[in-house]
Amino acid sequence: MDEIKNGIKMKKHKKSIKSLLNRSRGFSFFEMIMTVVILGITATMFTDALVNAVKTFTLFDDRKESVFMIDFGINRILKDCRYIKRGYISYASHDRLDFEDAYGRHLSFRLTGSNLEMSMDNGVNYFVLAQYISSLTISYYTKTNVQLADPVPLANLGDIHWIEIRLDGRPEILNYKSIMQVFPREMFR
């Protein structure tokens, strides 16, 4: 028997809800395909954003490291070149410098591949001072600001009054250059 509540037969109402539930037991094939397509598009956009963020971070980190290496390398060369002993430069070219400093150390700087190397034992053992350097250019000048030939002839090594050092970073990361001039203190004594 049908119950009547609020003017509606309950049995009939239950049948209509039950019949609706029976007809919609799952998703249609089209609805499933559209859900997968929308999820795929959303996942692709999220993945692209994440990959771009990682690439940007890596590039920024590489740039920071490159600048640090160049600055560290040139500052070390400048620090040691300030104490070059007068007349104790044994070899001078655009990419290598060998000398004895005021403390009696036999120092050498050179570029090998992309590594700036330093030796403290007259060029016997080199260690890496800085990495990711694309070029090292050392120029030598007289008191009258005349640039000496490369490599500087042995007869002219005593004429070196000041030195210009240029380090260039990796161009694929950052076109960063550092150029410094040094006037060795011992040259004036």
N, C-alpha and C. Protein backbone atom coordinates (compact mmCIF):
# COMPACT_ATOMS: atom_id res chain seq x y z
N MET A 1 0.82 -1.17 0.00
CA MET A 1 0.00 0.00 0.00
C MET A 1 0.87 1.23 0.00
N ASP A 2 0.36 2.19 -0.66
CA ASP A 2 1.11 3.44 -0.76
C ASP A 2 0.76 4.34 0.42
N GLU A 3 1.83 4.90 1.01
CA GLU A 3 1.63 5.88 2.07
C GLU A 3 1.55 7.25 1.44
N ILE A 4 0.76 8.03 2.01
CA ILE A 4 0.65 9.38 1.47
C ILE A 4 1.18 10.34 2.53
N LYS A 5 2.26 11.05 2.13
CA LYS A 5 2.84 12.09 2.98
C LYS A 5 2.96 13.33 2.14
N ASN A 6 2.52 14.39 2.67
CA ASN A 6 2.54 15.68 1.99
C ASN A 6 1.93 15.58 0.59
N GLY A 7 1.02 14.74 0.46
CA GLY A 7 0.32 14.62 -0.81
C GLY A 7 1.06 13.83 -1.85
N ILE A 8 2.12 13.10 -1.48
CA ILE A 8 2.90 12.32 -2.45
C ILE A 8 2.88 10.88 -2.00
N LYS A 9 2.68 10.01 -2.93
CA LYS A 9 2.72 8.60 -2.61
C LYS A 9 4.17 8.20 -2.49
N MET A 10 4.55 7.66 -1.36
CA MET A 10 5.96 7.33 -1.09
C MET A 10 6.44 6.18 -1.94
N LYS A 11 5.61 5.19 -2.17
CA LYS A 11 6.05 4.04 -2.93
C LYS A 11 6.45 4.45 -4.34
N LYS A 12 5.67 5.28 -4.94
CA LYS A 12 5.98 5.73 -6.29
C LYS A 12 7.26 6.56 -6.30
N HIS A 13 7.44 7.40 -5.31
CA HIS A 13 8.65 8.24 -5.24
C HIS A 13 9.89 7.36 -5.08
N LYS A 14 9.83 6.37 -4.23
CA LYS A 14 10.96 5.46 -4.07
C LYS A 14 11.27 4.75 -5.38
N LYS A 15 10.26 4.39 -6.09
CA LYS A 15 10.49 3.72 -7.36
C LYS A 15 11.17 4.65 -8.35
N SER A 16 10.80 5.90 -8.37
CA SER A 16 11.40 6.81 -9.34
C SER A 16 12.87 7.08 -9.01
N ILE A 17 13.27 7.19 -7.73
CA ILE A 17 14.67 7.36 -7.33
C ILE A 17 15.45 6.10 -7.65
N LYS A 18 14.83 4.96 -7.34
CA LYS A 18 15.48 3.69 -7.61
C LYS A 18 15.70 3.49 -9.10
N SER A 19 14.72 3.88 -9.88
CA SER A 19 14.87 3.73 -11.33
C SER A 19 15.95 4.66 -11.88
N LEU A 20 16.08 5.85 -11.29
CA LEU A 20 17.15 6.77 -11.73
C LEU A 20 18.52 6.20 -11.40
N LEU A 21 18.67 5.64 -10.21
CA LEU A 21 19.95 5.06 -9.82
C LEU A 21 20.29 3.85 -10.67
N ASN A 22 19.31 3.09 -11.02
CA ASN A 22 19.56 1.91 -11.86
C ASN A 22 20.02 2.30 -13.25
N ARG A 23 19.54 3.40 -13.77
CA ARG A 23 19.91 3.82 -15.12
C ARG A 23 21.32 4.43 -15.16
N SER A 24 21.81 5.06 -14.09
CA SER A 24 23.13 5.71 -14.09
C SER A 24 24.09 4.94 -13.19
N ARG A 25 24.43 3.73 -13.59
CA ARG A 25 25.30 2.90 -12.79
C ARG A 25 26.77 3.29 -12.95
N GLY A 26 27.22 3.99 -13.96
CA GLY A 26 28.62 4.34 -14.18
C GLY A 26 28.73 5.48 -15.17
N PHE A 27 29.97 5.69 -15.60
CA PHE A 27 30.22 6.75 -16.57
C PHE A 27 30.16 6.17 -17.97
N SER A 28 29.79 7.02 -18.89
CA SER A 28 29.80 6.57 -20.28
C SER A 28 31.23 6.59 -20.80
N PHE A 29 31.47 5.94 -21.90
CA PHE A 29 32.80 5.89 -22.50
C PHE A 29 33.28 7.30 -22.86
N PHE A 30 32.40 8.13 -23.38
CA PHE A 30 32.75 9.50 -23.75
C PHE A 30 33.18 10.31 -22.52
N GLU A 31 32.46 10.16 -21.42
CA GLU A 31 32.83 10.87 -20.19
C GLU A 31 34.20 10.44 -19.69
N MET A 32 34.50 9.17 -19.78
CA MET A 32 35.83 8.67 -19.36
C MET A 32 36.93 9.26 -20.23
N ILE A 33 36.73 9.26 -21.54
CA ILE A 33 37.73 9.81 -22.46
C ILE A 33 37.95 11.29 -22.19
N MET A 34 36.89 12.05 -21.99
CA MET A 34 37.03 13.48 -21.72
C MET A 34 37.76 13.73 -20.40
N THR A 35 37.53 12.93 -19.39
CA THR A 35 38.22 13.06 -18.11
C THR A 35 39.71 12.79 -18.27
N VAL A 36 40.06 11.77 -19.00
CA VAL A 36 41.47 11.45 -19.24
C VAL A 36 42.15 12.56 -20.03
N VAL A 37 41.47 13.10 -21.04
CA VAL A 37 42.05 14.19 -21.84
C VAL A 37 42.28 15.43 -20.98
N ILE A 38 41.33 15.79 -20.17
CA ILE A 38 41.47 16.98 -19.31
C ILE A 38 42.58 16.78 -18.29
N LEU A 39 42.65 15.60 -17.70
CA LEU A 39 43.74 15.31 -16.76
C LEU A 39 45.09 15.33 -17.46
N GLY A 40 45.16 14.83 -18.67
CA GLY A 40 46.42 14.85 -19.44
C GLY A 40 46.88 16.26 -19.74
N ILE A 41 45.96 17.11 -20.14
CA ILE A 41 46.31 18.51 -20.43
C ILE A 41 46.79 19.21 -19.16
N THR A 42 46.10 18.99 -18.06
CA THR A 42 46.49 19.60 -16.78
C THR A 42 47.85 19.09 -16.33
N ALA A 43 48.10 17.81 -16.45
CA ALA A 43 49.39 17.24 -16.05
C ALA A 43 50.52 17.77 -16.94
N THR A 44 50.26 17.92 -18.23
CA THR A 44 51.28 18.46 -19.14
C THR A 44 51.63 19.90 -18.78
N MET A 45 50.63 20.70 -18.49
CA MET A 45 50.89 22.09 -18.11
C MET A 45 51.69 22.15 -16.81
N PHE A 46 51.33 21.34 -15.84
CA PHE A 46 52.04 21.32 -14.56
C PHE A 46 53.48 20.85 -14.75
N THR A 47 53.68 19.81 -15.56
CA THR A 47 55.02 19.28 -15.81
C THR A 47 55.88 20.32 -16.52
N ASP A 48 55.34 21.00 -17.53
CA ASP A 48 56.10 22.04 -18.23
C ASP A 48 56.51 23.17 -17.29
N ALA A 49 55.59 23.57 -16.43
CA ALA A 49 55.92 24.64 -15.47
C ALA A 49 57.03 24.18 -14.51
N LEU A 50 56.95 22.95 -14.06
CA LEU A 50 57.95 22.41 -13.15
C LEU A 50 59.32 22.29 -13.83
N VAL A 51 59.34 21.80 -15.06
CA VAL A 51 60.60 21.66 -15.80
C VAL A 51 61.23 23.03 -16.04
N ASN A 52 60.43 24.02 -16.41
CA ASN A 52 60.97 25.37 -16.63
C ASN A 52 61.53 25.96 -15.34
N ALA A 53 60.88 25.71 -14.22
CA ALA A 53 61.39 26.21 -12.94
C ALA A 53 62.73 25.57 -12.59
N VAL A 54 62.86 24.28 -12.84
CA VAL A 54 64.12 23.58 -12.56
C VAL A 54 65.22 24.09 -13.48
N LYS A 55 64.93 24.29 -14.76
CA LYS A 55 65.92 24.81 -15.70
C LYS A 55 66.38 26.21 -15.30
N THR A 56 65.45 27.05 -14.90
CA THR A 56 65.79 28.41 -14.48
C THR A 56 66.68 28.38 -13.24
N PHE A 57 66.34 27.55 -12.28
CA PHE A 57 67.15 27.43 -11.08
C PHE A 57 68.56 26.94 -11.42
N THR A 58 68.67 25.93 -12.28
CA THR A 58 69.97 25.38 -12.66
C THR A 58 70.79 26.43 -13.39
N LEU A 59 70.18 27.17 -14.31
CA LEU A 59 70.90 28.22 -15.03
C LEU A 59 71.38 29.30 -14.08
N PHE A 60 70.53 29.72 -13.15
CA PHE A 60 70.92 30.74 -12.18
C PHE A 60 72.07 30.24 -11.31
N ASP A 61 71.99 28.99 -10.87
CA ASP A 61 73.05 28.41 -10.05
C ASP A 61 74.36 28.31 -10.82
N ASP A 62 74.31 27.93 -12.09
CA ASP A 62 75.52 27.86 -12.92
C ASP A 62 76.13 29.24 -13.12
N ARG A 63 75.27 30.24 -13.32
CA ARG A 63 75.78 31.61 -13.48
C ARG A 63 76.47 32.09 -12.21
N LYS A 64 75.85 31.81 -11.08
CA LYS A 64 76.43 32.23 -9.80
C LYS A 64 77.77 31.54 -9.58
N GLU A 65 77.85 30.26 -9.90
CA GLU A 65 79.10 29.52 -9.73
C GLU A 65 80.18 30.04 -10.68
N SER A 66 79.79 30.36 -11.91
CA SER A 66 80.75 30.87 -12.89
C SER A 66 81.33 32.21 -12.44
N VAL A 67 80.47 33.10 -11.97
CA VAL A 67 80.94 34.41 -11.49
C VAL A 67 81.86 34.23 -10.28
N PHE A 68 81.49 33.34 -9.37
CA PHE A 68 82.33 33.08 -8.20
C PHE A 68 83.71 32.57 -8.62
N MET A 69 83.74 31.62 -9.55
CA MET A 69 85.01 31.04 -9.99
C MET A 69 85.92 32.10 -10.63
N ILE A 70 85.34 32.94 -11.47
CA ILE A 70 86.13 33.98 -12.14
C ILE A 70 86.66 34.96 -11.10
N ASP A 71 85.82 35.41 -10.22
CA ASP A 71 86.26 36.37 -9.19
C ASP A 71 87.31 35.76 -8.27
N PHE A 72 87.10 34.52 -7.86
CA PHE A 72 88.07 33.86 -7.00
C PHE A 72 89.41 33.71 -7.71
N GLY A 73 89.38 33.26 -8.96
CA GLY A 73 90.62 33.06 -9.72
C GLY A 73 91.40 34.35 -9.92
N ILE A 74 90.72 35.40 -10.35
CA ILE A 74 91.44 36.64 -10.63
C ILE A 74 91.94 37.28 -9.34
N ASN A 75 91.18 37.17 -8.26
CA ASN A 75 91.65 37.74 -6.99
C ASN A 75 92.88 37.01 -6.47
N ARG A 76 92.93 35.70 -6.67
CA ARG A 76 94.11 34.95 -6.23
C ARG A 76 95.34 35.33 -7.05
N ILE A 77 95.16 35.45 -8.37
CA ILE A 77 96.29 35.86 -9.21
C ILE A 77 96.76 37.25 -8.81
N LEU A 78 95.84 38.17 -8.62
CA LEU A 78 96.21 39.55 -8.24
C LEU A 78 96.93 39.58 -6.91
N LYS A 79 96.44 38.83 -5.95
CA LYS A 79 97.07 38.80 -4.62
C LYS A 79 98.53 38.36 -4.72
N ASP A 80 98.77 37.30 -5.49
CA ASP A 80 100.14 36.79 -5.60
C ASP A 80 101.02 37.66 -6.50
N CYS A 81 100.43 38.25 -7.52
CA CYS A 81 101.22 39.09 -8.42
C CYS A 81 101.69 40.39 -7.76
N ARG A 82 101.01 40.82 -6.73
CA ARG A 82 101.44 42.04 -6.02
C ARG A 82 102.83 41.87 -5.41
N TYR A 83 103.24 40.64 -5.19
CA TYR A 83 104.52 40.38 -4.53
C TYR A 83 105.56 39.77 -5.46
N ILE A 84 105.44 40.04 -6.77
CA ILE A 84 106.46 39.58 -7.70
C ILE A 84 107.76 40.30 -7.39
N LYS A 85 108.82 39.54 -7.26
CA LYS A 85 110.13 40.12 -6.98
C LYS A 85 110.71 40.71 -8.27
N ARG A 86 111.32 41.87 -8.16
CA ARG A 86 111.90 42.54 -9.33
C ARG A 86 112.92 41.62 -10.00
N GLY A 87 112.71 41.43 -11.29
CA GLY A 87 113.64 40.63 -12.07
C GLY A 87 113.48 39.13 -11.90
N TYR A 88 112.43 38.68 -11.22
CA TYR A 88 112.24 37.26 -10.97
C TYR A 88 111.04 36.66 -11.71
N ILE A 89 110.66 37.26 -12.81
CA ILE A 89 109.66 36.64 -13.69
C ILE A 89 110.43 35.73 -14.63
N SER A 90 110.13 34.43 -14.59
CA SER A 90 110.88 33.49 -15.41
C SER A 90 110.19 33.19 -16.73
N TYR A 91 108.88 33.33 -16.82
CA TYR A 91 108.17 33.11 -18.08
C TYR A 91 106.91 33.95 -18.07
N ALA A 92 106.64 34.62 -19.19
CA ALA A 92 105.45 35.48 -19.29
C ALA A 92 104.86 35.35 -20.69
N SER A 93 103.66 34.82 -20.77
CA SER A 93 102.93 34.76 -22.04
C SER A 93 101.48 35.14 -21.78
N HIS A 94 100.66 35.12 -22.83
CA HIS A 94 99.26 35.55 -22.67
C HIS A 94 98.44 34.59 -21.82
N ASP A 95 98.89 33.34 -21.67
CA ASP A 95 98.09 32.39 -20.89
C ASP A 95 98.88 31.68 -19.78
N ARG A 96 100.07 32.20 -19.50
CA ARG A 96 100.87 31.60 -18.42
C ARG A 96 101.82 32.64 -17.84
N LEU A 97 102.03 32.54 -16.52
CA LEU A 97 102.93 33.44 -15.82
C LEU A 97 103.66 32.65 -14.75
N ASP A 98 105.00 32.67 -14.80
CA ASP A 98 105.85 32.01 -13.79
C ASP A 98 106.73 33.07 -13.15
N PHE A 99 106.80 33.07 -11.81
CA PHE A 99 107.61 34.08 -11.14
C PHE A 99 107.96 33.62 -9.73
N GLU A 100 108.87 34.36 -9.12
CA GLU A 100 109.19 34.17 -7.71
C GLU A 100 108.68 35.40 -6.97
N ASP A 101 108.01 35.17 -5.85
CA ASP A 101 107.47 36.30 -5.12
C ASP A 101 108.42 36.72 -4.00
N ALA A 102 108.04 37.75 -3.28
CA ALA A 102 108.88 38.31 -2.23
C ALA A 102 109.12 37.34 -1.08
N TYR A 103 108.32 36.30 -0.98
CA TYR A 103 108.47 35.32 0.09
C TYR A 103 109.29 34.11 -0.35
N GLY A 104 109.83 34.16 -1.58
CA GLY A 104 110.67 33.07 -2.09
C GLY A 104 109.89 31.92 -2.69
N ARG A 105 108.57 32.08 -2.85
CA ARG A 105 107.77 31.02 -3.47
C ARG A 105 107.87 31.13 -4.99
N HIS A 106 108.00 30.01 -5.67
CA HIS A 106 108.02 29.97 -7.13
C HIS A 106 106.60 29.63 -7.59
N LEU A 107 105.89 30.65 -8.06
CA LEU A 107 104.48 30.50 -8.43
C LEU A 107 104.30 30.47 -9.93
N SER A 108 103.25 29.77 -10.35
CA SER A 108 102.93 29.68 -11.76
C SER A 108 101.42 29.61 -11.92
N PHE A 109 100.90 30.33 -12.90
CA PHE A 109 99.48 30.31 -13.24
C PHE A 109 99.36 29.98 -14.71
N ARG A 110 98.37 29.13 -15.04
CA ARG A 110 98.14 28.77 -16.44
C ARG A 110 96.70 28.32 -16.61
N LEU A 111 96.26 28.31 -17.87
CA LEU A 111 94.93 27.81 -18.20
C LEU A 111 95.09 26.50 -18.96
N THR A 112 94.49 25.45 -18.44
CA THR A 112 94.51 24.15 -19.10
C THR A 112 93.08 23.73 -19.33
N GLY A 113 92.67 23.69 -20.58
CA GLY A 113 91.26 23.41 -20.88
C GLY A 113 90.40 24.53 -20.34
N SER A 114 89.49 24.20 -19.44
CA SER A 114 88.66 25.23 -18.81
C SER A 114 89.02 25.40 -17.34
N ASN A 115 90.21 24.94 -16.95
CA ASN A 115 90.65 25.04 -15.56
C ASN A 115 91.80 26.04 -15.44
N LEU A 116 91.65 26.96 -14.51
CA LEU A 116 92.74 27.85 -14.15
C LEU A 116 93.55 27.12 -13.10
N GLU A 117 94.82 26.90 -13.39
CA GLU A 117 95.67 26.12 -12.50
C GLU A 117 96.77 26.97 -11.91
N MET A 118 97.22 26.56 -10.71
CA MET A 118 98.27 27.27 -9.99
C MET A 118 99.27 26.24 -9.48
N SER A 119 100.53 26.63 -9.51
CA SER A 119 101.59 25.80 -8.94
C SER A 119 102.37 26.65 -7.96
N MET A 120 102.75 26.03 -6.86
CA MET A 120 103.53 26.75 -5.85
C MET A 120 104.92 26.14 -5.71
N ASP A 121 105.29 25.26 -6.66
CA ASP A 121 106.60 24.61 -6.58
C ASP A 121 107.32 24.65 -7.94
N ASN A 122 107.34 25.84 -8.52
CA ASN A 122 108.05 26.08 -9.77
C ASN A 122 107.48 25.26 -10.93
N GLY A 123 106.18 25.06 -10.95
CA GLY A 123 105.53 24.38 -12.07
C GLY A 123 105.61 22.87 -12.06
N VAL A 124 106.02 22.28 -10.95
CA VAL A 124 106.11 20.82 -10.88
C VAL A 124 104.72 20.21 -10.68
N ASN A 125 104.00 20.67 -9.69
CA ASN A 125 102.66 20.17 -9.39
C ASN A 125 101.66 21.31 -9.49
N TYR A 126 100.66 21.13 -10.33
CA TYR A 126 99.60 22.13 -10.48
C TYR A 126 98.33 21.64 -9.80
N PHE A 127 97.56 22.56 -9.26
CA PHE A 127 96.25 22.24 -8.73
C PHE A 127 95.24 23.22 -9.33
N VAL A 128 94.00 22.78 -9.38
CA VAL A 128 92.94 23.60 -9.99
C VAL A 128 92.55 24.71 -9.03
N LEU A 129 92.68 25.93 -9.52
CA LEU A 129 92.33 27.11 -8.74
C LEU A 129 90.87 27.51 -9.00
N ALA A 130 90.46 27.41 -10.26
CA ALA A 130 89.08 27.76 -10.65
C ALA A 130 88.70 26.95 -11.88
N GLN A 131 87.43 26.62 -11.97
CA GLN A 131 86.92 25.85 -13.10
C GLN A 131 86.00 26.71 -13.95
N TYR A 132 85.65 26.18 -15.11
CA TYR A 132 84.69 26.80 -16.03
C TYR A 132 85.16 28.15 -16.56
N ILE A 133 86.45 28.26 -16.79
CA ILE A 133 87.03 29.48 -17.35
C ILE A 133 87.21 29.25 -18.86
N SER A 134 86.73 30.16 -19.67
CA SER A 134 86.87 29.96 -21.12
C SER A 134 88.17 30.54 -21.64
N SER A 135 88.68 31.61 -21.03
CA SER A 135 89.97 32.13 -21.49
C SER A 135 90.67 32.94 -20.39
N LEU A 136 91.98 32.88 -20.45
CA LEU A 136 92.86 33.66 -19.58
C LEU A 136 93.76 34.47 -20.49
N THR A 137 93.77 35.77 -20.31
CA THR A 137 94.64 36.64 -21.11
C THR A 137 95.44 37.52 -20.17
N ILE A 138 96.76 37.38 -20.26
CA ILE A 138 97.64 38.20 -19.43
C ILE A 138 98.44 39.10 -20.37
N SER A 139 98.40 40.39 -20.12
CA SER A 139 99.15 41.36 -20.93
C SER A 139 100.18 42.03 -20.03
N TYR A 140 101.34 42.32 -20.60
CA TYR A 140 102.46 42.88 -19.83
C TYR A 140 102.83 44.23 -20.43
N TYR A 141 103.06 45.22 -19.53
CA TYR A 141 103.32 46.59 -19.97
C TYR A 141 104.58 47.14 -19.31
N THR A 142 105.20 48.09 -20.01
CA THR A 142 106.39 48.76 -19.49
C THR A 142 105.95 50.00 -18.71
N LYS A 143 106.94 50.74 -18.18
CA LYS A 143 106.64 51.98 -17.45
C LYS A 143 105.95 53.01 -18.34
N THR A 144 106.25 52.97 -19.64
CA THR A 144 105.65 53.93 -20.58
C THR A 144 104.36 53.39 -21.20
N ASN A 145 103.77 52.36 -20.60
CA ASN A 145 102.51 51.76 -21.04
C ASN A 145 102.56 51.13 -22.42
N VAL A 146 103.73 50.65 -22.81
CA VAL A 146 103.88 49.93 -24.07
C VAL A 146 103.69 48.45 -23.77
N GLN A 147 102.79 47.81 -24.54
CA GLN A 147 102.54 46.39 -24.34
C GLN A 147 103.69 45.58 -24.93
N LEU A 148 104.18 44.63 -24.15
CA LEU A 148 105.27 43.79 -24.60
C LEU A 148 104.75 42.64 -25.45
N ALA A 149 105.63 42.11 -26.32
CA ALA A 149 105.26 41.03 -27.22
C ALA A 149 104.90 39.77 -26.44
N ASP A 150 104.20 38.87 -27.11
CA ASP A 150 103.80 37.61 -26.46
C ASP A 150 104.45 36.45 -27.18
N PRO A 151 105.10 35.55 -26.51
CA PRO A 151 105.53 35.64 -25.12
C PRO A 151 106.63 36.68 -24.97
N VAL A 152 106.74 37.20 -23.77
CA VAL A 152 107.72 38.25 -23.51
C VAL A 152 109.12 37.64 -23.63
N PRO A 153 109.98 38.22 -24.48
CA PRO A 153 111.34 37.69 -24.60
C PRO A 153 112.10 37.78 -23.28
N LEU A 154 113.00 36.85 -23.06
CA LEU A 154 113.78 36.82 -21.81
C LEU A 154 114.45 38.14 -21.53
N ALA A 155 114.95 38.79 -22.59
CA ALA A 155 115.65 40.06 -22.41
C ALA A 155 114.72 41.16 -21.90
N ASN A 156 113.43 41.03 -22.15
CA ASN A 156 112.47 42.08 -21.77
C ASN A 156 111.70 41.77 -20.49
N LEU A 157 111.95 40.64 -19.86
CA LEU A 157 111.21 40.30 -18.63
C LEU A 157 111.42 41.33 -17.53
N GLY A 158 112.59 41.92 -17.47
CA GLY A 158 112.88 42.94 -16.47
C GLY A 158 112.17 44.25 -16.74
N ASP A 159 111.64 44.45 -17.96
CA ASP A 159 110.95 45.69 -18.33
C ASP A 159 109.48 45.70 -17.90
N ILE A 160 108.97 44.59 -17.41
CA ILE A 160 107.56 44.53 -17.04
C ILE A 160 107.34 45.42 -15.82
N HIS A 161 106.42 46.38 -15.98
CA HIS A 161 106.11 47.32 -14.90
C HIS A 161 104.74 47.04 -14.30
N TRP A 162 103.78 46.71 -15.15
CA TRP A 162 102.46 46.35 -14.65
C TRP A 162 101.84 45.29 -15.55
N ILE A 163 100.85 44.60 -14.99
CA ILE A 163 100.25 43.44 -15.65
C ILE A 163 98.74 43.61 -15.68
N GLU A 164 98.15 43.25 -16.81
CA GLU A 164 96.69 43.24 -16.92
C GLU A 164 96.24 41.79 -17.08
N ILE A 165 95.28 41.38 -16.28
CA ILE A 165 94.80 40.00 -16.29
C ILE A 165 93.32 40.01 -16.61
N ARG A 166 92.93 39.13 -17.55
CA ARG A 166 91.52 39.04 -17.95
C ARG A 166 91.10 37.58 -17.92
N LEU A 167 90.03 37.31 -17.20
CA LEU A 167 89.42 35.97 -17.18
C LEU A 167 88.02 36.07 -17.77
N ASP A 168 87.69 35.15 -18.64
CA ASP A 168 86.35 35.10 -19.24
C ASP A 168 85.65 33.83 -18.80
N GLY A 169 84.36 33.97 -18.52
CA GLY A 169 83.57 32.82 -18.11
C GLY A 169 83.03 32.06 -19.29
N ARG A 170 82.30 31.00 -18.98
CA ARG A 170 81.70 30.17 -20.02
C ARG A 170 80.63 30.98 -20.75
N PRO A 171 80.78 31.20 -22.05
CA PRO A 171 79.79 32.01 -22.77
C PRO A 171 78.41 31.38 -22.84
N GLU A 172 78.32 30.04 -22.76
CA GLU A 172 77.00 29.40 -22.81
C GLU A 172 76.22 29.64 -21.53
N ILE A 173 76.90 29.97 -20.45
CA ILE A 173 76.23 30.24 -19.19
C ILE A 173 76.09 31.75 -18.97
N LEU A 174 77.19 32.43 -19.08
CA LEU A 174 77.19 33.85 -18.76
C LEU A 174 78.39 34.49 -19.44
N ASN A 175 78.17 35.54 -20.14
CA ASN A 175 79.27 36.23 -20.81
C ASN A 175 79.88 37.22 -19.82
N TYR A 176 80.54 36.69 -18.81
CA TYR A 176 81.10 37.49 -17.72
C TYR A 176 82.61 37.58 -17.89
N LYS A 177 83.12 38.79 -17.82
CA LYS A 177 84.55 39.02 -17.92
C LYS A 177 85.01 39.81 -16.72
N SER A 178 86.21 39.52 -16.30
CA SER A 178 86.80 40.28 -15.21
C SER A 178 88.19 40.70 -15.65
N ILE A 179 88.42 42.00 -15.65
CA ILE A 179 89.71 42.54 -16.08
C ILE A 179 90.28 43.35 -14.93
N MET A 180 91.51 43.02 -14.55
CA MET A 180 92.17 43.71 -13.45
C MET A 180 93.59 44.07 -13.85
N GLN A 181 94.07 45.13 -13.26
CA GLN A 181 95.46 45.54 -13.46
C GLN A 181 96.18 45.46 -12.13
N VAL A 182 97.42 45.00 -12.19
CA VAL A 182 98.19 44.88 -10.97
C VAL A 182 99.55 45.52 -11.17
N PHE A 183 99.97 46.26 -10.18
CA PHE A 183 101.29 46.86 -10.15
C PHE A 183 102.05 46.17 -9.02
N PRO A 184 102.91 45.21 -9.34
CA PRO A 184 103.63 44.50 -8.28
C PRO A 184 104.40 45.46 -7.38
N ARG A 185 104.24 45.32 -6.07
CA ARG A 185 104.86 46.22 -5.10
C ARG A 185 106.39 46.16 -5.16
N GLU A 186 106.91 44.97 -5.36
CA GLU A 186 108.36 44.79 -5.37
C GLU A 186 109.03 45.42 -6.59
N MET A 187 108.25 45.70 -7.63
CA MET A 187 108.82 46.29 -8.85
C MET A 187 109.29 47.72 -8.60
N PHE A 188 108.75 48.36 -7.59
CA PHE A 188 109.08 49.77 -7.34
C PHE A 188 110.27 49.94 -6.40
N ARG A 189 110.79 48.91 -5.84
CA ARG A 189 111.87 49.02 -4.86
C ARG A 189 113.22 49.04 -5.51
